Amino acid sequence: MIRLQRGDYDMTVDSRRKQSFLRAYLLKEIYDFHFLHSGFAKGISTHLKDEEIKLALLYLAEKNFIELINLDNPVFSEAKITSYGIDEVESQMQ
């Protein structure tokens, strides 16, 4: 297995694929919710124990594919897809 050196830890190619898949899955899920619920934001758990999901959501926000709303609120947080996120999902469908 190929290992890529990154900082103080190794990241395998498989784990990079997993992260890429997770980001695509989350973006598509937020996209679907947007169109099924008249453009509303999707509620997300801020008590996520899975750091990979947190990192994926933050990455999508940094790329301006989603907007994270009330992320510091322990009870109510949301993710809303942006026009860039919609374009990204739809470009993958072609």
Protein backbone atom coordinates (compact mmCIF):
# COMPACT_ATOMS: atom_id res chain seq x y z
CA MET A 1 0.00 0.00 0.00
CA ILE A 2 1.27 3.46 -0.89
CA ARG A 3 1.64 5.82 2.06
CA LEU A 4 1.79 9.57 1.71
CA GLN A 5 3.69 11.45 4.38
CA ARG A 6 1.63 14.29 5.81
CA GLY A 7 2.83 16.10 8.90
CA ASP A 8 3.41 13.74 11.80
CA TYR A 9 1.17 10.99 10.49
CA ASP A 10 0.80 8.74 7.46
CA MET A 11 -2.28 8.95 5.28
CA THR A 12 -2.95 5.93 3.11
CA VAL A 13 -4.38 6.21 -0.38
CA ASP A 14 -7.39 4.22 0.85
CA SER A 15 -8.10 6.72 3.62
CA ARG A 16 -7.86 9.57 1.11
CA ARG A 17 -10.41 7.81 -1.10
CA LYS A 18 -12.63 7.30 1.92
CA GLN A 19 -12.49 11.03 2.74
CA SER A 20 -13.24 11.94 -0.86
CA PHE A 21 -16.21 9.55 -0.94
CA LEU A 22 -17.46 10.87 2.42
CA ARG A 23 -17.34 14.49 1.22
CA ALA A 24 -19.20 13.58 -1.99
CA TYR A 25 -21.78 11.59 -0.03
CA LEU A 26 -22.42 14.40 2.48
CA LEU A 27 -22.67 17.02 -0.26
CA LYS A 28 -25.16 14.89 -2.20
CA GLU A 29 -27.19 14.28 0.96
CA ILE A 30 -27.38 18.04 1.66
CA TYR A 31 -28.21 18.66 -2.02
CA ASP A 32 -31.08 16.14 -1.94
CA PHE A 33 -32.44 17.62 1.29
CA HIS A 34 -32.33 21.11 -0.22
CA PHE A 35 -34.56 20.14 -3.13
CA LEU A 36 -36.88 17.86 -1.14
CA HIS A 37 -37.52 20.56 1.48
CA SER A 38 -37.92 23.75 -0.58
CA GLY A 39 -34.39 25.03 -0.03
CA PHE A 40 -34.22 24.59 3.74
CA ALA A 41 -30.95 23.81 5.50
CA LYS A 42 -30.35 20.28 6.79
CA GLY A 43 -30.00 19.85 10.54
CA ILE A 44 -26.72 18.33 11.64
CA SER A 45 -25.49 16.97 14.95
CA THR A 46 -22.83 19.09 16.57
CA HIS A 47 -22.05 16.24 18.93
CA LEU A 48 -20.55 14.21 16.12
CA LYS A 49 -18.09 11.72 17.51
CA ASP A 50 -16.70 10.94 14.10
CA GLU A 51 -13.87 13.38 13.40
CA GLU A 52 -13.84 12.37 9.72
CA ILE A 53 -17.38 13.68 9.30
CA LYS A 54 -16.50 16.93 11.04
CA LEU A 55 -13.45 17.36 8.82
CA ALA A 56 -15.49 16.58 5.70
CA LEU A 57 -18.13 19.19 6.61
CA LEU A 58 -15.47 21.80 7.35
CA TYR A 59 -13.76 21.04 4.04
CA LEU A 60 -17.04 21.46 2.14
CA ALA A 61 -17.60 24.78 3.91
CA GLU A 62 -14.07 25.98 3.12
CA LYS A 63 -14.67 25.16 -0.55
CA ASN A 64 -17.90 27.23 -0.33
CA PHE A 65 -20.00 24.18 -1.28
CA ILE A 66 -22.01 24.43 1.93
CA GLU A 67 -22.70 27.00 4.62
CA LEU A 68 -22.50 25.81 8.22
CA ILE A 69 -25.02 27.61 10.41
CA ASN A 70 -24.78 27.79 14.22
CA LEU A 71 -21.93 25.28 14.28
CA ASP A 72 -21.01 26.30 17.83
CA ASN A 73 -24.56 25.78 19.09
CA PRO A 74 -24.64 22.45 20.98
CA VAL A 75 -28.32 21.86 20.19
CA PHE A 76 -29.09 23.20 16.74
CA SER A 77 -26.73 23.37 13.76
CA GLU A 78 -27.46 23.24 10.07
CA ALA A 79 -25.75 22.79 6.72
CA LYS A 80 -27.11 24.60 3.67
CA ILE A 81 -25.86 23.95 0.16
CA THR A 82 -24.63 26.93 -1.82
CA SER A 83 -24.90 27.58 -5.55
CA TYR A 84 -21.31 26.31 -5.87
CA GLY A 85 -22.30 23.09 -4.12
CA ILE A 86 -25.33 22.63 -6.38
CA ASP A 87 -23.14 23.15 -9.46
CA GLU A 88 -20.58 20.64 -8.11
CA VAL A 89 -23.18 17.93 -7.51
CA GLU A 90 -24.85 18.50 -10.86
CA SER A 91 -21.52 18.42 -12.71
CA GLN A 92 -20.91 14.96 -11.21
CA MET A 93 -24.27 13.76 -12.58
CA GLN A 94 -23.30 14.42 -16.20
